[in-house]
Amino acid sequence: MRILVVEDEVRLARQIAAALTEAGHDPITVYDGESALDRALQSSFDLIIIDVGLPGIDGFEVLRRLRSQHGANRVLMLTARGEVKDRITGLQLGADDYLPKPFAMPELVARVRALGRRYAEEPMLSLHVADLVLDLVDHRVHRGGRLIELSTRELTLLKILMREPGRVFTRTELCERVWEHPHEYDTKLVEVFIGRLRKKIGDPPLIRTVRHVGYAIRESS
């Protein structure tokens, strides 16, 4: 599932994202309520995991605004608040489930899996941009019938770009989503991997550089 993780504790957010990725999901992480609303209303997510105790706009208000705009996303609330009334508030606002902190990561993954079963839908089997195809079942990439061999990180980077064709990703965002730990990367490394992908994908070029911003994949014009 494509999952938006809204958690202001950066370390915890990255741990959640890593656990979800290992379980086969596609997480995107933001750290405050405003960013969560912007991302949730601009893109499609199967599930949103929201921490109640966010700075500025708290998790309850994020959920309230999402539901007021008829957002149909499944929502799992994370909260350090143990009082029953807080759990009831979340459920009354439209949360599908809640998980009190601290929690074990396997339990979070199990809750996510259960919500996925509860709202089963036709899975997306492949991604397409022009004649480039990424098979999400066997993780193979083809272009014009030609098999393209990619490393694990190259495949992850391409998948991120292809899930939202036309959207511009900053170098920092791509770093955070491809590499789990900050010490493993710098933004120049993204340029290296983008260069490798362009060479392997071939012409006409599909991955575009947006000057001073980042990269996007779109059909060649």
Protein backbone atom coordinates (compact mmCIF):
# COMPACT_ATOMS: atom_id res chain seq x y z
CA MET A 1 0.00 0.00 0.00
CA ARG A 2 1.00 3.60 -0.51
CA ILE A 3 1.18 5.10 2.99
CA LEU A 4 1.63 8.64 4.29
CA VAL A 5 3.42 8.69 7.66
CA VAL A 6 2.89 11.88 9.71
CA GLU A 7 5.24 11.87 12.71
CA ASP A 8 7.29 14.77 14.09
CA GLU A 9 9.87 12.55 15.81
CA VAL A 10 12.24 12.17 12.88
CA ARG A 11 13.98 9.05 14.16
CA LEU A 12 10.68 7.28 14.86
CA ALA A 13 9.28 8.37 11.49
CA ARG A 14 12.25 6.81 9.71
CA GLN A 15 11.94 3.61 11.75
CA ILE A 16 8.27 3.36 10.80
CA ALA A 17 9.06 3.99 7.14
CA ALA A 18 11.81 1.33 7.19
CA ALA A 19 9.48 -1.26 8.77
CA LEU A 20 6.72 -0.51 6.25
CA THR A 21 9.14 -0.71 3.33
CA GLU A 22 10.43 -4.06 4.56
CA ALA A 23 6.82 -5.27 4.73
CA GLY A 24 6.34 -4.38 1.06
CA HIS A 25 4.61 -1.01 1.40
CA ASP A 26 5.51 2.36 -0.13
CA PRO A 27 5.74 4.95 2.68
CA ILE A 28 6.16 8.71 2.34
CA THR A 29 7.13 10.63 5.48
CA VAL A 30 6.25 14.18 6.57
CA TYR A 31 6.86 15.76 9.95
CA ASP A 32 4.05 18.29 10.58
CA GLY A 33 0.33 18.77 10.06
CA GLU A 34 0.50 21.40 7.31
CA SER A 35 2.76 19.21 5.17
CA ALA A 36 0.47 16.25 5.82
CA LEU A 37 -2.59 18.10 4.60
CA ASP A 38 -0.80 19.40 1.50
CA ARG A 39 0.49 15.96 0.56
CA ALA A 40 -2.74 14.10 1.37
CA LEU A 41 -4.86 16.47 -0.70
CA GLN A 42 -2.47 16.49 -3.66
CA SER A 43 -1.75 12.76 -3.92
CA SER A 44 -3.54 9.46 -3.45
CA PHE A 45 -2.74 7.27 -0.43
CA ASP A 46 -4.17 3.93 0.67
CA LEU A 47 -3.50 4.70 4.33
CA ILE A 48 -2.40 7.66 6.47
CA ILE A 49 -0.64 7.11 9.81
CA ILE A 50 -1.00 10.24 11.93
CA ASP A 51 0.59 11.05 15.28
CA VAL A 52 -1.80 13.02 17.49
CA GLY A 53 0.89 15.16 19.15
CA LEU A 54 2.10 17.13 16.13
CA PRO A 55 3.43 20.70 16.43
CA GLY A 56 1.11 23.41 15.15
CA ILE A 57 -1.85 21.54 13.68
CA ASP A 58 -2.25 18.42 15.80
CA GLY A 59 -3.29 15.02 14.49
CA PHE A 60 -6.93 15.46 15.45
CA GLU A 61 -7.16 18.68 13.43
CA VAL A 62 -5.41 17.04 10.46
CA LEU A 63 -7.98 14.25 10.54
CA ARG A 64 -10.87 16.70 10.95
CA ARG A 65 -9.80 18.70 7.89
CA LEU A 66 -9.23 15.59 5.80
CA ARG A 67 -12.71 14.29 6.55
CA SER A 68 -14.29 17.71 5.98
CA GLN A 69 -12.91 17.62 2.45
CA HIS A 70 -14.37 14.15 1.96
CA GLY A 71 -11.03 12.40 2.13
CA ALA A 72 -11.66 8.65 2.00
CA ASN A 73 -8.19 7.61 3.17
CA ARG A 74 -7.90 4.95 5.83
CA VAL A 75 -6.38 6.50 8.97
CA LEU A 76 -4.38 4.94 11.80
CA MET A 77 -3.81 7.31 14.73
CA LEU A 78 -0.67 7.15 16.90
CA THR A 79 -1.00 8.66 20.33
CA ALA A 80 0.86 8.83 23.62
CA ARG A 81 -2.37 9.82 25.29
CA GLY A 82 -3.78 6.92 27.25
CA GLU A 83 -7.16 8.37 28.16
CA VAL A 84 -10.19 6.68 26.68
CA LYS A 85 -11.72 10.04 25.71
CA ASP A 86 -8.82 10.77 23.37
CA ARG A 87 -9.24 7.45 21.61
CA ILE A 88 -12.97 8.10 21.30
CA THR A 89 -12.26 11.56 19.86
CA GLY A 90 -10.09 10.06 17.13
CA LEU A 91 -12.63 7.42 16.23
CA GLN A 92 -15.48 9.96 16.19
CA LEU A 93 -13.47 12.15 13.83
CA GLY A 94 -13.13 9.25 11.42
CA ALA A 95 -10.01 7.31 12.38
CA ASP A 96 -10.17 3.63 11.40
CA ASP A 97 -7.86 2.44 14.17
CA TYR A 98 -5.48 3.78 16.83
CA LEU A 99 -2.22 2.58 18.35
CA PRO A 100 -0.94 3.98 21.67
CA LYS A 101 2.74 4.84 22.13
CA PRO A 102 5.11 3.26 22.83
CA PHE A 103 4.39 0.39 20.46
CA ALA A 104 6.28 -2.53 18.96
CA MET A 105 7.00 -2.08 15.25
CA PRO A 106 5.62 -5.56 14.37
CA GLU A 107 2.30 -4.53 15.91
CA LEU A 108 2.19 -1.40 13.76
CA VAL A 109 2.86 -3.47 10.64
CA ALA A 110 0.15 -5.94 11.71
CA ARG A 111 -2.38 -3.10 12.20
CA VAL A 112 -1.52 -1.77 8.74
CA ARG A 113 -1.95 -5.23 7.24
CA ALA A 114 -5.33 -5.63 8.96
CA LEU A 115 -6.55 -2.29 7.61
CA GLY A 116 -5.43 -3.37 4.16
CA ARG A 117 -7.51 -6.54 4.40
CA ARG A 118 -10.49 -4.61 5.72
CA TYR A 119 -10.47 -2.35 2.67
CA ALA A 120 -9.23 -4.80 0.07
CA GLU A 121 -8.96 -3.39 -3.42
CA GLU A 122 -7.58 -4.37 -6.79
CA PRO A 123 -3.80 -4.18 -6.45
CA MET A 124 -1.70 -2.16 -8.87
CA LEU A 125 0.45 -4.63 -10.76
CA SER A 126 2.65 -2.32 -12.80
CA LEU A 127 3.67 1.31 -13.36
CA HIS A 128 3.82 2.90 -16.82
CA VAL A 129 5.43 6.06 -18.19
CA ALA A 130 5.47 6.19 -22.00
CA ASP A 131 6.90 2.80 -23.08
CA LEU A 132 8.68 2.24 -19.77
CA VAL A 133 7.07 -0.46 -17.60
CA LEU A 134 7.93 -1.39 -14.01
CA ASP A 135 6.35 -4.69 -12.93
CA LEU A 136 5.52 -4.45 -9.21
CA VAL A 137 5.15 -8.22 -8.87
CA ASP A 138 8.50 -9.48 -10.14
CA HIS A 139 10.31 -6.09 -9.90
CA ARG A 140 11.42 -6.16 -13.53
CA VAL A 141 11.72 -3.10 -15.74
CA HIS A 142 11.16 -3.12 -19.51
CA ARG A 143 11.27 -0.48 -22.19
CA GLY A 144 10.09 -1.30 -25.70
CA GLY A 145 10.39 -5.00 -24.91
CA ARG A 146 13.97 -4.59 -23.65
CA LEU A 147 14.73 -5.85 -20.13
CA ILE A 148 16.59 -3.25 -18.04
CA GLU A 149 18.77 -4.56 -15.23
CA LEU A 150 18.68 -2.31 -12.15
CA SER A 151 20.23 -2.46 -8.71
CA THR A 152 17.95 -2.46 -5.67
CA ARG A 153 18.49 1.27 -5.02
CA GLU A 154 18.06 2.16 -8.70
CA LEU A 155 14.79 0.22 -8.74
CA THR A 156 13.56 1.96 -5.57
CA LEU A 157 14.42 5.38 -6.99
CA LEU A 158 12.68 4.64 -10.29
CA LYS A 159 9.60 3.33 -8.49
CA ILE A 160 9.29 6.55 -6.47
CA LEU A 161 9.45 8.66 -9.62
CA MET A 162 7.04 6.46 -11.60
CA ARG A 163 4.36 6.39 -8.90
CA GLU A 164 3.84 10.12 -9.42
CA PRO A 165 4.80 10.96 -13.02
CA GLY A 166 5.20 14.68 -13.56
CA ARG A 167 5.75 15.47 -9.89
CA VAL A 168 9.07 17.13 -9.07
CA PHE A 169 10.97 15.44 -6.22
CA THR A 170 13.70 17.36 -4.44
CA ARG A 171 17.10 15.72 -4.05
CA THR A 172 16.70 15.67 -0.27
CA GLU A 173 13.31 13.94 -0.46
CA LEU A 174 14.68 11.28 -2.78
CA CYS A 175 17.63 10.73 -0.44
CA GLU A 176 15.37 10.25 2.58
CA ARG A 177 13.16 7.77 0.75
CA VAL A 178 15.88 5.67 -0.89
CA TRP A 179 18.50 5.62 1.88
CA GLU A 180 17.37 4.73 5.41
CA HIS A 181 20.14 6.46 7.39
CA PRO A 182 21.34 10.06 6.86
CA HIS A 183 25.02 9.08 7.14
CA GLU A 184 24.63 6.82 4.09
CA TYR A 185 24.02 9.61 1.59
CA ASP A 186 24.39 13.18 0.46
CA THR A 187 22.35 14.85 -2.25
CA LYS A 188 25.14 14.47 -4.82
CA LEU A 189 24.62 10.72 -4.61
CA VAL A 190 21.13 11.15 -6.08
CA GLU A 191 22.69 12.80 -9.13
CA VAL A 192 24.88 9.73 -9.61
CA PHE A 193 21.94 7.35 -9.44
CA ILE A 194 19.78 9.52 -11.71
CA GLY A 195 22.63 9.47 -14.24
CA ARG A 196 22.77 5.67 -14.08
CA LEU A 197 19.01 5.39 -14.56
CA ARG A 198 19.03 7.73 -17.55
CA LYS A 199 21.81 5.72 -19.20
CA LYS A 200 20.03 2.41 -18.61
CA ILE A 201 16.56 3.65 -19.62
CA GLY A 202 17.89 5.16 -22.84
CA ASP A 203 16.32 7.53 -25.36
CA PRO A 204 14.10 9.39 -25.70
CA PRO A 205 14.87 10.64 -22.16
CA LEU A 206 12.11 10.41 -19.55
CA ILE A 207 13.78 11.66 -16.36
CA ARG A 208 14.01 15.45 -16.39
CA THR A 209 16.07 17.79 -14.24
CA VAL A 210 14.16 20.77 -12.85
CA ARG A 211 16.84 23.38 -12.29
CA HIS A 212 17.53 24.23 -8.62
CA VAL A 213 14.72 21.87 -7.50
CA GLY A 214 15.12 18.21 -8.36
CA TYR A 215 13.87 15.54 -10.75
CA ALA A 216 10.67 14.33 -12.37
CA ILE A 217 9.75 11.55 -14.76
CA ARG A 218 7.35 12.28 -17.58
CA GLU A 219 6.68 11.29 -21.16
CA SER A 220 9.08 12.87 -23.59
CA SER A 221 7.71 15.78 -25.59
